[in-house]
C-alpha atoms as a PDB file:
ATOM      1  CA  UNK A   1      -0.192  -0.038  -0.128  1.00  0.00           C
ATOM      2  CA  UNK A   2       1.115   3.875   0.309  1.00  0.00           C
ATOM      3  CA  UNK A   3       0.652   6.562   2.539  1.00  0.00           C
ATOM      4  CA  UNK A   4      -0.976   9.952   2.072  1.00  0.00           C
ATOM      5  CA  UNK A   5      -0.761  13.762   3.239  1.00  0.00           C
ATOM      6  CA  UNK A   6      -2.427  16.618   2.223  1.00  0.00           C
ATOM      7  CA  UNK A   7      -0.775  19.869   1.081  1.00  0.00           C
ATOM      8  CA  UNK A   8       0.032  21.351   4.531  1.00  0.00           C
ATOM      9  CA  UNK A   9       1.523  18.561   5.195  1.00  0.00           C
ATOM     10  CA  UNK A  10       4.183  18.619   2.353  1.00  0.00           C
ATOM     11  CA  UNK A  11       4.608  22.281   2.134  1.00  0.00           C
ATOM     12  CA  UNK A  12       7.197  22.432   5.235  1.00  0.00           C
ATOM     13  CA  UNK A  13       9.355  18.933   3.936  1.00  0.00           C
ATOM     14  CA  UNK A  14       9.163  20.821   0.176  1.00  0.00           C
ATOM     15  CA  UNK A  15      10.338  24.196   1.706  1.00  0.00           C
ATOM     16  CA  UNK A  16      13.069  22.716   4.001  1.00  0.00           C
ATOM     17  CA  UNK A  17      14.634  20.754   0.601  1.00  0.00           C
ATOM     18  CA  UNK A  18      14.164  23.801  -1.184  1.00  0.00           C
ATOM     19  CA  UNK A  19      16.205  25.765   1.106  1.00  0.00           C
ATOM     20  CA  UNK A  20      18.701  23.182   1.810  1.00  0.00           C
ATOM     21  CA  UNK A  21      19.014  22.369  -2.052  1.00  0.00           C
ATOM     22  CA  UNK A  22      18.106  18.508  -1.346  1.00  0.00           C
ATOM     23  CA  UNK A  23      16.679  16.336  -3.634  1.00  0.00           C
ATOM     24  CA  UNK A  24      12.992  15.947  -3.489  1.00  0.00           C
ATOM     25  CA  UNK A  25      11.116  13.432  -5.439  1.00  0.00           C
ATOM     26  CA  UNK A  26       7.894  15.020  -6.412  1.00  0.00           C
ATOM     27  CA  UNK A  27       6.310  13.463  -9.230  1.00  0.00           C
ATOM     28  CA  UNK A  28       3.305  15.215 -11.297  1.00  0.00           C
ATOM     29  CA  UNK A  29       1.354  12.679 -13.264  1.00  0.00           C
ATOM     30  CA  UNK A  30      -1.206  14.879 -14.924  1.00  0.00           C
ATOM     31  CA  UNK A  31      -0.965  15.793 -18.525  1.00  0.00           C
ATOM     32  CA  UNK A  32       1.524  18.352 -20.019  1.00  0.00           C
ATOM     33  CA  UNK A  33      -0.930  20.592 -20.697  1.00  0.00           C
ATOM     34  CA  UNK A  34      -2.377  20.654 -17.063  1.00  0.00           C
ATOM     35  CA  UNK A  35       1.433  20.747 -15.746  1.00  0.00           C
ATOM     36  CA  UNK A  36       2.018  23.982 -17.760  1.00  0.00           C
ATOM     37  CA  UNK A  37      -0.738  25.375 -16.477  1.00  0.00           C
ATOM     38  CA  UNK A  38       0.229  25.430 -13.019  1.00  0.00           C
ATOM     39  CA  UNK A  39       2.622  22.867 -10.822  1.00  0.00           C
ATOM     40  CA  UNK A  40       4.656  22.880  -7.734  1.00  0.00           C
ATOM     41  CA  UNK A  41       7.973  24.229  -8.299  1.00  0.00           C
ATOM     42  CA  UNK A  42      10.176  21.413  -8.589  1.00  0.00           C
ATOM     43  CA  UNK A  43       7.939  19.006  -9.571  1.00  0.00           C
ATOM     44  CA  UNK A  44       8.638  16.575 -12.302  1.00  0.00           C
ATOM     45  CA  UNK A  45       6.381  16.042 -14.875  1.00  0.00           C
ATOM     46  CA  UNK A  46       5.608  12.239 -15.430  1.00  0.00           C
ATOM     47  CA  UNK A  47       1.931  11.892 -17.246  1.00  0.00           C
ATOM     48  CA  UNK A  48       0.080   8.900 -15.762  1.00  0.00           C
ATOM     49  CA  UNK A  49       0.016   6.937 -19.349  1.00  0.00           C
ATOM     50  CA  UNK A  50       3.747   7.269 -19.457  1.00  0.00           C
ATOM     51  CA  UNK A  51       4.393   6.213 -15.899  1.00  0.00           C
ATOM     52  CA  UNK A  52       5.194   2.281 -16.551  1.00  0.00           C
ATOM     53  CA  UNK A  53       8.246   3.512 -18.751  1.00  0.00           C
ATOM     54  CA  UNK A  54       9.537   6.004 -16.308  1.00  0.00           C
ATOM     55  CA  UNK A  55       9.297   3.842 -13.313  1.00  0.00           C
ATOM     56  CA  UNK A  56      13.034   3.422 -13.187  1.00  0.00           C
ATOM     57  CA  UNK A  57      13.764   6.920 -12.957  1.00  0.00           C
ATOM     58  CA  UNK A  58      11.829   7.329  -9.559  1.00  0.00           C
ATOM     59  CA  UNK A  59      14.203   6.856  -6.429  1.00  0.00           C
ATOM     60  CA  UNK A  60      14.119   3.400  -4.622  1.00  0.00           C
ATOM     61  CA  UNK A  61      15.481   5.227  -1.527  1.00  0.00           C
ATOM     62  CA  UNK A  62      13.597   8.261   0.210  1.00  0.00           C
ATOM     63  CA  UNK A  63      10.177   9.510   0.019  1.00  0.00           C
ATOM     64  CA  UNK A  64       8.764   9.824  -3.320  1.00  0.00           C
ATOM     65  CA  UNK A  65       5.705  12.092  -3.783  1.00  0.00           C
ATOM     66  CA  UNK A  66       3.070  11.627  -6.248  1.00  0.00           C
ATOM     67  CA  UNK A  67       0.589  14.637  -7.066  1.00  0.00           C
ATOM     68  CA  UNK A  68      -2.220  15.503  -9.644  1.00  0.00           C
ATOM     69  CA  UNK A  69      -4.944  17.859  -9.757  1.00  0.00           C
ATOM     70  CA  UNK A  70      -6.954  16.305  -7.001  1.00  0.00           C
ATOM     71  CA  UNK A  71      -5.356  13.581  -5.577  1.00  0.00           C
ATOM     72  CA  UNK A  72      -6.949  10.835  -7.954  1.00  0.00           C
ATOM     73  CA  UNK A  73      -4.636   9.961 -10.325  1.00  0.00           C
ATOM     74  CA  UNK A  74      -1.510  10.356  -8.263  1.00  0.00           C
ATOM     75  CA  UNK A  75      -3.208   7.533  -5.907  1.00  0.00           C
ATOM     76  CA  UNK A  76      -3.639   5.278  -8.899  1.00  0.00           C
ATOM     77  CA  UNK A  77       0.054   6.056  -9.711  1.00  0.00           C
ATOM     78  CA  UNK A  78       0.907   4.965  -5.834  1.00  0.00           C
ATOM     79  CA  UNK A  79      -1.259   1.906  -5.394  1.00  0.00           C
ATOM     80  CA  UNK A  80       0.135   0.474  -9.172  1.00  0.00           C
ATOM     81  CA  UNK A  81       3.765   1.537  -8.211  1.00  0.00           C
ATOM     82  CA  UNK A  82       3.359  -0.203  -5.086  1.00  0.00           C
ATOM     83  CA  UNK A  83       1.558  -3.398  -6.455  1.00  0.00           C
ATOM     84  CA  UNK A  84       3.369  -4.176  -9.445  1.00  0.00           C
ATOM     85  CA  UNK A  85       6.640  -2.722  -9.020  1.00  0.00           C
ATOM     86  CA  UNK A  86       6.960  -3.154  -5.055  1.00  0.00           C
ATOM     87  CA  UNK A  87       7.597   0.394  -4.292  1.00  0.00           C
ATOM     88  CA  UNK A  88       7.060   1.133  -0.794  1.00  0.00           C
ATOM     89  CA  UNK A  89       8.344   4.502  -0.498  1.00  0.00           C
ATOM     90  CA  UNK A  90       5.315   6.296  -2.047  1.00  0.00           C
ATOM     91  CA  UNK A  91       3.202   9.365  -0.568  1.00  0.00           C
ATOM     92  CA  UNK A  92       0.038  10.150  -2.369  1.00  0.00           C
ATOM     93  CA  UNK A  93      -0.571  13.859  -2.104  1.00  0.00           C
ATOM     94  CA  UNK A  94      -4.679  14.677  -1.187  1.00  0.00           C
ATOM     95  CA  UNK A  95      -6.009  17.183  -2.619  1.00  0.00           C
ATOM     96  CA  UNK A  96      -2.947  17.704  -5.402  1.00  0.00           C
ATOM     97  CA  UNK A  97      -2.451  20.739  -7.221  1.00  0.00           C
ATOM     98  CA  UNK A  98      -5.495  22.474  -6.810  1.00  0.00           C
ATOM     99  CA  UNK A  99      -5.498  22.582  -2.700  1.00  0.00           C
ATOM    100  CA  UNK A 100      -1.847  23.744  -3.333  1.00  0.00           C
ATOM    101  CA  UNK A 101      -2.746  26.583  -5.405  1.00  0.00           C
ATOM    102  CA  UNK A 102      -5.937  27.499  -3.089  1.00  0.00           C
ATOM    103  CA  UNK A 103      -3.362  27.091   0.384  1.00  0.00           C
ATOM    104  CA  UNK A 104      -1.497  29.858  -1.656  1.00  0.00           C
ATOM    105  CA  UNK A 105       1.648  27.891  -1.914  1.00  0.00           C
ATOM    106  CA  UNK A 106       4.200  28.836  -4.566  1.00  0.00           C
ATOM    107  CA  UNK A 107       3.093  27.745  -8.106  1.00  0.00           C
ATOM    108  CA  UNK A 108       5.206  27.744 -11.304  1.00  0.00           C
ATOM    109  CA  UNK A 109       3.937  27.761 -14.979  1.00  0.00           C
ATOM    110  CA  UNK A 110       4.943  26.610 -18.358  1.00  0.00           C
END
């Protein structure tokens, strides 16, 4: 299975990693168009339909955070990676990018 957290739990971890210049594995599984419209700074775009081909690029150590628009597709991605690939370091972001934006946290476009 996989863990979940909300954006208010994610933000301080994201912020510390940014301030320290530390690696932070945040995978955005939305479409390129959704990603370009607004995403968490530093999130890596890996659309859900390309997940299988890109799984080897995700770190096996440390937390891997998965985000989408509201949390549904990222939960699917986490479930797939846990069941099919044996990953146990996955955290789904409940509320997704929509909740991140509504909370007033930084957003990049393009």
